[in-house]
Amino acid sequence: MKNEKLLRFGVVGTVIAALCCFTPVLVLLFAAVGLSWAVGYLDYVLFPALFAFLGLTGYALWRRQNNPVCTPEEAPVSKEQS
């Protein structure tokens, strides 16, 4: 998976998990569809998901830092091209 795609996936997952952890988005959604009994178990799923997405975002940023993209202007010119 490319670095930018990995980073985007990690950030979007982190934002969604954070919204569901710290706001009553899922509580209202579960209540609307009649699954209020499952609200007590959300923390067992959401917090590990949040930490996993944070780890994925950190890994993508680390990979991006250690593997900079070579732009065409910075590419070395071989003797055959000059």
C-alpha atoms as a PDB file:
ATOM      1  CA  MET A   1       0.000   0.000   0.000  1.00  0.00           C
ATOM      2  CA  LYS A   2       1.359   3.407  -0.882  1.00  0.00           C
ATOM      3  CA  ASN A   3       2.376   5.766   1.905  1.00  0.00           C
ATOM      4  CA  GLU A   4      -0.251   8.407   1.109  1.00  0.00           C
ATOM      5  CA  LYS A   5      -3.033   5.842   0.906  1.00  0.00           C
ATOM      6  CA  LEU A   6      -1.900   4.244   4.165  1.00  0.00           C
ATOM      7  CA  LEU A   7      -1.754   7.632   5.868  1.00  0.00           C
ATOM      8  CA  ARG A   8      -5.188   8.632   4.586  1.00  0.00           C
ATOM      9  CA  PHE A   9      -6.684   5.319   5.768  1.00  0.00           C
ATOM     10  CA  GLY A  10      -5.113   5.732   9.207  1.00  0.00           C
ATOM     11  CA  VAL A  11      -6.251   9.328   9.657  1.00  0.00           C
ATOM     12  CA  VAL A  12      -9.819   8.675   8.492  1.00  0.00           C
ATOM     13  CA  GLY A  13     -10.087   5.618  10.745  1.00  0.00           C
ATOM     14  CA  THR A  14      -8.691   7.575  13.692  1.00  0.00           C
ATOM     15  CA  VAL A  15     -11.179  10.406  13.193  1.00  0.00           C
ATOM     16  CA  ILE A  16     -14.146   8.047  12.890  1.00  0.00           C
ATOM     17  CA  ALA A  17     -13.103   6.007  15.932  1.00  0.00           C
ATOM     18  CA  ALA A  18     -12.477   9.182  17.964  1.00  0.00           C
ATOM     19  CA  LEU A  19     -15.889  10.573  17.027  1.00  0.00           C
ATOM     20  CA  CYS A  20     -17.561   7.358  18.058  1.00  0.00           C
ATOM     21  CA  CYS A  21     -15.557   7.147  21.323  1.00  0.00           C
ATOM     22  CA  PHE A  22     -15.955  10.692  22.548  1.00  0.00           C
ATOM     23  CA  THR A  23     -19.364  11.695  21.205  1.00  0.00           C
ATOM     24  CA  PRO A  24     -22.679   9.882  21.477  1.00  0.00           C
ATOM     25  CA  VAL A  25     -22.864   9.190  17.724  1.00  0.00           C
ATOM     26  CA  LEU A  26     -23.078   5.402  18.030  1.00  0.00           C
ATOM     27  CA  VAL A  27     -25.233   5.566  21.158  1.00  0.00           C
ATOM     28  CA  LEU A  28     -27.873   7.539  19.262  1.00  0.00           C
ATOM     29  CA  LEU A  29     -27.548   5.304  16.204  1.00  0.00           C
ATOM     30  CA  PHE A  30     -27.867   2.118  18.247  1.00  0.00           C
ATOM     31  CA  ALA A  31     -30.875   3.540  20.124  1.00  0.00           C
ATOM     32  CA  ALA A  32     -32.537   4.469  16.836  1.00  0.00           C
ATOM     33  CA  VAL A  33     -32.272   0.928  15.475  1.00  0.00           C
ATOM     34  CA  GLY A  34     -33.126  -0.792  18.760  1.00  0.00           C
ATOM     35  CA  LEU A  35     -29.695  -2.062  19.755  1.00  0.00           C
ATOM     36  CA  SER A  36     -29.362  -0.138  23.016  1.00  0.00           C
ATOM     37  CA  TRP A  37     -28.282  -3.291  24.843  1.00  0.00           C
ATOM     38  CA  ALA A  38     -24.984  -3.225  22.886  1.00  0.00           C
ATOM     39  CA  VAL A  39     -23.979   0.281  24.023  1.00  0.00           C
ATOM     40  CA  GLY A  40     -22.204  -1.113  27.077  1.00  0.00           C
ATOM     41  CA  TYR A  41     -19.893  -3.165  24.879  1.00  0.00           C
ATOM     42  CA  LEU A  42     -18.829  -0.338  22.543  1.00  0.00           C
ATOM     43  CA  ASP A  43     -15.762   0.535  24.607  1.00  0.00           C
ATOM     44  CA  TYR A  44     -14.410  -2.986  24.141  1.00  0.00           C
ATOM     45  CA  VAL A  45     -14.349  -2.401  20.395  1.00  0.00           C
ATOM     46  CA  LEU A  46     -13.836   1.332  19.957  1.00  0.00           C
ATOM     47  CA  PHE A  47     -10.777   1.907  22.149  1.00  0.00           C
ATOM     48  CA  PRO A  48      -8.706  -0.892  20.585  1.00  0.00           C
ATOM     49  CA  ALA A  49      -9.797   0.328  17.136  1.00  0.00           C
ATOM     50  CA  LEU A  50      -8.759   3.883  18.028  1.00  0.00           C
ATOM     51  CA  PHE A  51      -5.340   2.712  19.222  1.00  0.00           C
ATOM     52  CA  ALA A  52      -4.892   0.523  16.139  1.00  0.00           C
ATOM     53  CA  PHE A  53      -5.691   3.413  13.793  1.00  0.00           C
ATOM     54  CA  LEU A  54      -3.387   5.734  15.762  1.00  0.00           C
ATOM     55  CA  GLY A  55      -0.634   3.139  15.403  1.00  0.00           C
ATOM     56  CA  LEU A  56      -1.319   2.824  11.689  1.00  0.00           C
ATOM     57  CA  THR A  57      -1.144   6.603  11.292  1.00  0.00           C
ATOM     58  CA  GLY A  58       2.126   6.723  13.216  1.00  0.00           C
ATOM     59  CA  TYR A  59       3.568   3.923  11.090  1.00  0.00           C
ATOM     60  CA  ALA A  60       2.553   5.698   7.874  1.00  0.00           C
ATOM     61  CA  LEU A  61       4.164   8.931   9.074  1.00  0.00           C
ATOM     62  CA  TRP A  62       7.324   7.069  10.065  1.00  0.00           C
ATOM     63  CA  ARG A  63       7.443   5.348   6.669  1.00  0.00           C
ATOM     64  CA  ARG A  64       6.892   8.656   4.911  1.00  0.00           C
ATOM     65  CA  GLN A  65       9.751  10.263   6.847  1.00  0.00           C
ATOM     66  CA  ASN A  66      12.198   7.449   6.150  1.00  0.00           C
ATOM     67  CA  ASN A  67      11.308   7.000   2.470  1.00  0.00           C
ATOM     68  CA  PRO A  68      11.048  10.441   0.885  1.00  0.00           C
ATOM     69  CA  VAL A  69       9.566  10.553  -2.574  1.00  0.00           C
ATOM     70  CA  CYS A  70      12.005  11.461  -5.309  1.00  0.00           C
ATOM     71  CA  THR A  71      10.517  14.132  -7.564  1.00  0.00           C
ATOM     72  CA  PRO A  72      11.519  14.397 -11.254  1.00  0.00           C
ATOM     73  CA  GLU A  73      13.461  17.601 -10.557  1.00  0.00           C
ATOM     74  CA  GLU A  74      15.547  15.840  -7.901  1.00  0.00           C
ATOM     75  CA  ALA A  75      16.122  12.656  -9.887  1.00  0.00           C
ATOM     76  CA  PRO A  76      19.744  12.019 -10.782  1.00  0.00           C
ATOM     77  CA  VAL A  77      20.598  12.447 -14.430  1.00  0.00           C
ATOM     78  CA  SER A  78      22.445   9.522 -15.981  1.00  0.00           C
ATOM     79  CA  LYS A  79      25.263  10.003 -18.456  1.00  0.00           C
ATOM     80  CA  GLU A  80      23.154   8.504 -21.224  1.00  0.00           C
ATOM     81  CA  GLN A  81      20.467  11.190 -20.836  1.00  0.00           C
ATOM     82  CA  SER A  82      22.823  14.193 -20.908  1.00  0.00           C
END
